Protein backbone atom coordinates (compact mmCIF):
# COMPACT_ATOMS: atom_id res chain seq x y z
CA MET A 1 21.63 -107.72 74.74
CA GLU A 2 23.24 -108.01 78.18
CA LYS A 3 23.91 -110.37 80.28
CA VAL A 4 23.72 -110.71 83.37
CA ARG A 5 24.49 -113.35 86.08
CA ASN A 6 21.70 -115.69 87.53
CA ARG A 7 22.03 -114.61 90.93
CA ASN A 8 20.72 -118.28 92.11
CA SER A 9 22.22 -120.77 90.11
CA GLY A 10 24.89 -118.56 89.07
CA ALA A 11 24.23 -119.35 86.10
CA PRO A 12 24.85 -116.37 82.92
CA MET A 13 21.79 -114.56 82.03
CA VAL A 14 20.80 -113.13 79.14
CA LYS A 15 18.70 -109.91 78.55
CA VAL A 16 16.96 -109.14 75.03
CA PRO A 17 15.84 -105.83 73.93
CA LEU A 18 12.39 -107.21 71.99
CA LYS A 19 11.16 -105.43 68.89
CA GLY A 20 7.18 -104.14 68.99
CA LEU A 21 7.22 -105.21 72.22
CA LYS A 22 7.74 -103.30 75.52
CA GLY A 23 10.10 -104.75 77.95
CA GLU A 24 12.76 -107.41 76.91
CA ALA A 25 13.12 -111.38 77.79
CA GLU A 26 15.07 -112.41 80.04
CA GLY A 27 16.49 -115.90 81.26
CA SER A 28 19.53 -118.22 80.46
CA TYR A 29 21.01 -118.50 77.64
CA LYS A 30 19.63 -121.36 75.98
CA GLN A 31 16.15 -120.26 77.40
CA ILE A 32 15.86 -117.45 75.33
CA MET A 33 16.96 -119.27 72.27
CA ILE A 34 13.83 -121.88 72.87
CA PHE A 35 12.01 -118.53 73.47
CA LEU A 36 12.92 -117.07 70.27
CA SER A 37 12.58 -120.44 68.50
CA SER A 38 8.77 -120.14 69.63
CA GLY A 39 8.35 -118.48 66.73
CA VAL A 40 8.95 -114.19 68.66
CA LYS A 41 12.36 -114.24 67.08
CA LYS A 42 11.12 -112.32 63.71
CA GLN A 43 10.73 -109.30 66.92
CA VAL A 44 14.14 -109.39 67.93
CA LEU A 45 16.32 -107.04 67.10
CA LYS A 46 19.02 -107.23 64.56
CA GLY A 47 22.62 -108.32 65.88
CA PHE A 48 21.40 -111.11 67.92
CA ARG A 49 22.40 -114.31 65.91
CA SER A 50 24.26 -117.26 66.75
CA LYS A 51 27.56 -117.31 65.36
CA ASP A 52 26.74 -120.46 63.19
CA GLU A 53 23.69 -117.92 61.82
CA GLN A 54 26.34 -115.63 61.17
CA GLU A 55 28.69 -117.88 59.74
CA ALA A 56 25.91 -119.72 57.08
CA LEU A 57 24.39 -116.24 56.33
CA ALA A 58 28.48 -115.12 55.32
CA HIS A 59 28.18 -118.19 53.49
CA GLN A 60 25.00 -118.20 51.49
CA LYS A 61 26.80 -113.99 50.04
CA THR A 62 29.36 -116.01 49.20
CA LEU A 63 27.83 -117.86 46.82
CA LYS A 64 25.87 -115.81 45.57
CA GLN A 65 28.69 -113.90 44.79
CA GLU A 66 30.53 -116.81 43.30
CA ALA A 67 27.56 -117.78 41.06
CA ILE A 68 27.24 -113.96 40.15
CA ARG A 69 30.99 -114.13 38.76
CA GLY A 70 30.77 -117.51 37.67
CA LYS A 71 27.84 -116.25 35.35
CA LEU A 72 29.63 -113.93 34.20
CA LYS A 73 32.76 -115.16 33.25
CA SER A 74 30.14 -117.84 31.59
CA GLU A 75 28.53 -115.64 29.26
CA ALA A 76 32.33 -113.83 28.58
CA PHE A 77 33.47 -117.78 27.69
CA ASP A 78 30.51 -118.37 26.11
CA HIS A 79 31.12 -115.20 23.67
CA GLN A 80 34.61 -115.81 22.92
CA ARG A 81 33.61 -119.87 22.16
CA LYS A 82 31.14 -118.12 19.57
CA GLU A 83 33.76 -115.41 18.42
CA VAL A 84 36.16 -118.30 18.02
CA ILE A 85 33.74 -120.87 16.17
CA ARG A 86 32.87 -117.70 13.81
CA SER A 87 36.43 -116.46 12.84
CA TRP A 88 37.32 -120.72 12.77
CA SER A 89 33.95 -121.36 10.14
CA ALA A 90 34.89 -118.17 8.04
CA HIS A 91 38.66 -119.86 7.79
CA VAL A 92 37.62 -123.17 6.88
CA GLU A 93 35.28 -121.42 4.14
CA LEU A 94 38.16 -119.69 2.93
CA ILE A 95 40.28 -123.23 2.81
CA SER A 96 37.28 -124.30 0.77
CA ILE A 97 36.94 -121.90 -1.31
CA ASN A 98 40.93 -122.19 -2.42
CA HIS A 99 40.71 -125.92 -2.78
CA ALA A 100 38.28 -125.09 -5.30
CA ARG A 101 39.63 -123.33 -7.30
CA ASN A 102 42.90 -124.91 -6.87
CA PHE A 103 41.37 -128.28 -8.05
CA ARG A 104 39.26 -126.26 -11.10
CA GLU A 105 42.59 -124.92 -11.59
CA ARG A 106 44.13 -128.05 -12.33
């Protein structure tokens, strides 16, 4: 992507090389964005993204990573909880057996 000044108005011009098409699109930034949003966007070389798009993609990545981390944490927590329940039920069983023995002995 090459930035050039428009000879007539002095507005910044942008040249965007197009993937799969010969040549490049040339015009003001606004014109280029309109051109890209008209369906040719997919053919434009990577790296031509607005800051908002880049931030959205980064946010999406972090959300995915957090979801994966959260899933792993919840699985670990779930496993831990099951272990606690198992040990607790064994403990309760032991208490009830002892209680029954004590009751019988009286």
